[in-house]
């Protein structure tokens, strides 16, 4: 893969992390006390990954994309149950972005992306109670049936 393809994959993962940080803010506001520390841990993990990706973009000679002021949620989040579903959805989307980065990267960047993919997959299972054999890939197979307004940048077909 070229340096431009790597930079594009890192930027896509950064966009996914920006959205995850925003989403976990919503989760934290709606989740019950029994899972609040789990939400805080997810929020902190995504902030750390976001900051790492910003540095990586700079190391690759790019300008890190900034976070949007707000992100469209894939469904209403009125209560703790919906907040847990949102957290699982966030993690699945992040896993998809990191699966693209694993494919585009090599060496230590690939290992770091694979670690992030694994962590997101584990959090998705914890929040959702289920698992997929290859996190992020089953969502892509179902993408044509999904609403395009809820698709994250990492779920859009590459050109």
Protein backbone atom coordinates (compact mmCIF):
# COMPACT_ATOMS: atom_id res chain seq x y z
CA UNK A 1 0.00 0.00 0.00
CA UNK A 2 1.15 3.51 -0.70
CA UNK A 3 1.81 6.19 1.88
CA UNK A 4 -1.33 8.02 0.68
CA UNK A 5 -3.47 4.91 1.22
CA UNK A 6 -1.99 4.48 4.69
CA UNK A 7 -2.65 8.12 5.54
CA UNK A 8 -6.25 7.80 4.28
CA UNK A 9 -6.80 4.71 6.46
CA UNK A 10 -5.32 6.46 9.51
CA UNK A 11 -7.54 9.50 8.88
CA UNK A 12 -10.60 7.20 8.59
CA UNK A 13 -9.69 5.56 11.92
CA UNK A 14 -9.25 9.03 13.42
CA UNK A 15 -12.74 10.03 12.19
CA UNK A 16 -14.12 6.85 13.77
CA UNK A 17 -12.41 7.69 17.06
CA UNK A 18 -13.77 11.25 17.01
CA UNK A 19 -17.27 9.81 16.54
CA UNK A 20 -16.64 7.24 19.29
CA UNK A 21 -15.60 9.90 21.79
CA UNK A 22 -18.78 11.85 20.98
CA UNK A 23 -20.92 8.73 21.16
CA UNK A 24 -19.51 7.69 24.51
CA UNK A 25 -20.49 11.12 25.83
CA UNK A 26 -24.08 10.19 24.99
CA UNK A 27 -23.63 6.69 26.44
CA UNK A 28 -22.25 8.12 29.68
CA UNK A 29 -25.23 10.42 30.03
CA UNK A 30 -27.77 7.61 29.64
CA UNK A 31 -26.13 4.46 30.99
CA UNK A 32 -27.06 3.16 34.41
CA UNK A 33 -24.78 3.48 37.41
CA UNK A 34 -23.93 -0.24 37.20
CA UNK A 35 -22.14 0.28 33.85
CA UNK A 36 -20.92 3.86 34.22
CA UNK A 37 -17.29 2.86 34.90
CA UNK A 38 -17.34 0.63 31.80
CA UNK A 39 -18.56 3.62 29.77
CA UNK A 40 -15.85 5.82 31.27
CA UNK A 41 -13.21 3.21 30.41
CA UNK A 42 -14.44 3.08 26.80
CA UNK A 43 -14.45 6.87 26.58
CA UNK A 44 -10.90 7.08 27.94
CA UNK A 45 -9.67 4.32 25.60
CA UNK A 46 -11.10 6.10 22.56
CA UNK A 47 -9.64 9.44 23.61
CA UNK A 48 -6.21 7.80 23.94
CA UNK A 49 -6.51 6.11 20.52
CA UNK A 50 -7.72 9.38 18.99
CA UNK A 51 -4.68 11.21 20.36
CA UNK A 52 -2.36 8.45 19.11
CA UNK A 53 -3.90 8.65 15.64
CA UNK A 54 -3.46 12.43 15.56
CA UNK A 55 0.26 11.92 16.20
CA UNK A 56 0.40 9.22 13.51
CA UNK A 57 -1.20 11.51 10.94
CA UNK A 58 1.39 14.18 11.73
CA UNK A 59 4.20 11.59 11.54
CA UNK A 60 2.94 10.69 8.06
CA UNK A 61 3.07 14.35 7.01
CA UNK A 62 -0.67 15.00 7.16
CA UNK A 63 -2.94 17.33 9.06
CA UNK A 64 -5.19 15.45 11.49
CA UNK A 65 -8.87 15.84 10.71
CA UNK A 66 -10.74 17.68 13.42
CA UNK A 67 -13.77 16.40 15.24
CA UNK A 68 -17.20 17.51 14.07
CA UNK A 69 -19.28 19.56 16.49
CA UNK A 70 -21.84 16.75 16.63
CA UNK A 71 -22.52 13.37 15.06
CA UNK A 72 -25.79 11.78 13.97
CA UNK A 73 -26.66 8.84 16.17
CA UNK A 74 -27.85 5.67 14.42
CA UNK A 75 -30.99 5.54 16.62
CA UNK A 76 -32.57 7.42 19.55
CA UNK A 77 -30.91 6.86 22.93
CA UNK A 78 -33.56 7.58 25.57
CA UNK A 79 -32.43 5.10 28.24
CA UNK A 80 -29.72 2.80 29.57
CA UNK A 81 -30.68 -0.09 27.31
CA UNK A 82 -30.36 2.06 24.19
CA UNK A 83 -27.09 3.49 25.54
CA UNK A 84 -25.64 -0.01 25.79
CA UNK A 85 -26.77 -0.76 22.21
CA UNK A 86 -25.15 2.50 21.09
CA UNK A 87 -21.87 1.55 22.78
CA UNK A 88 -21.91 -1.83 20.99
CA UNK A 89 -22.64 -0.07 17.69
CA UNK A 90 -19.82 2.42 18.26
CA UNK A 91 -17.37 -0.39 18.90
CA UNK A 92 -18.46 -2.29 15.78
CA UNK A 93 -17.95 0.81 13.65
CA UNK A 94 -14.55 1.48 15.19
CA UNK A 95 -13.57 -2.15 14.57
CA UNK A 96 -14.45 -1.68 10.90
CA UNK A 97 -12.19 1.36 10.62
CA UNK A 98 -9.33 -0.49 12.28
CA UNK A 99 -9.80 -3.52 10.02
CA UNK A 100 -9.13 -1.17 7.09
CA UNK A 101 -6.08 0.21 8.87
CA UNK A 102 -4.73 -3.28 9.57
CA UNK A 103 -4.95 -3.97 5.83
CA UNK A 104 -3.21 -0.69 4.91
CA UNK A 105 -0.44 -0.69 7.54
CA UNK A 106 2.64 -2.72 8.25
CA UNK A 107 5.05 -3.26 11.12
CA UNK A 108 4.32 -1.54 14.41
CA UNK A 109 1.45 0.50 12.93
CA UNK A 110 -0.23 -2.72 11.85
CA UNK A 111 0.24 -4.24 15.33
CA UNK A 112 -1.21 -1.14 16.95
CA UNK A 113 -4.21 -1.20 14.59
CA UNK A 114 -4.73 -4.91 15.26
CA UNK A 115 -4.63 -4.22 19.02
CA UNK A 116 -7.21 -1.45 18.60
CA UNK A 117 -9.39 -3.78 16.49
CA UNK A 118 -9.21 -6.49 19.14
CA UNK A 119 -10.03 -4.04 21.96
CA UNK A 120 -13.03 -2.66 20.06
CA UNK A 121 -14.27 -6.18 19.32
CA UNK A 122 -14.01 -7.16 22.99
CA UNK A 123 -15.87 -4.01 24.08
CA UNK A 124 -18.55 -4.64 21.42
CA UNK A 125 -19.14 -8.12 22.83
CA UNK A 126 -19.28 -6.81 26.39
CA UNK A 127 -21.80 -4.14 25.48
CA UNK A 128 -23.86 -6.22 23.08
CA UNK A 129 -23.51 -9.72 24.43
CA UNK A 130 -22.76 -11.26 21.03
CA UNK A 131 -19.82 -11.59 18.72
CA UNK A 132 -18.87 -11.92 15.09
CA UNK A 133 -15.97 -13.96 13.73
CA UNK A 134 -14.41 -10.95 11.99
CA UNK A 135 -15.59 -7.71 13.63
CA UNK A 136 -16.26 -4.93 11.17
CA UNK A 137 -16.53 -7.23 8.16
CA UNK A 138 -20.08 -8.52 8.61
CA UNK A 139 -21.28 -4.93 8.85
CA UNK A 140 -19.72 -4.21 5.46
CA UNK A 141 -21.48 -7.19 3.88
CA UNK A 142 -24.80 -5.81 5.10
CA UNK A 143 -23.97 -2.20 4.19
CA UNK A 144 -26.25 -1.94 1.09
CA UNK A 145 -29.28 -2.55 3.33
CA UNK A 146 -28.11 0.01 5.91
CA UNK A 147 -29.14 3.64 5.90
CA UNK A 148 -26.49 5.73 4.19
CA UNK A 149 -27.08 8.58 6.65
CA UNK A 150 -25.88 6.41 9.54
CA UNK A 151 -22.85 4.98 7.74
CA UNK A 152 -19.53 6.00 9.18
CA UNK A 153 -16.74 7.13 6.86
CA UNK A 154 -15.05 3.75 7.28
CA UNK A 155 -18.15 1.98 6.00
CA UNK A 156 -18.21 3.84 2.70
CA UNK A 157 -16.85 1.96 -0.31
CA UNK A 158 -13.31 2.96 -1.15
CA UNK A 159 -12.52 4.22 -4.61
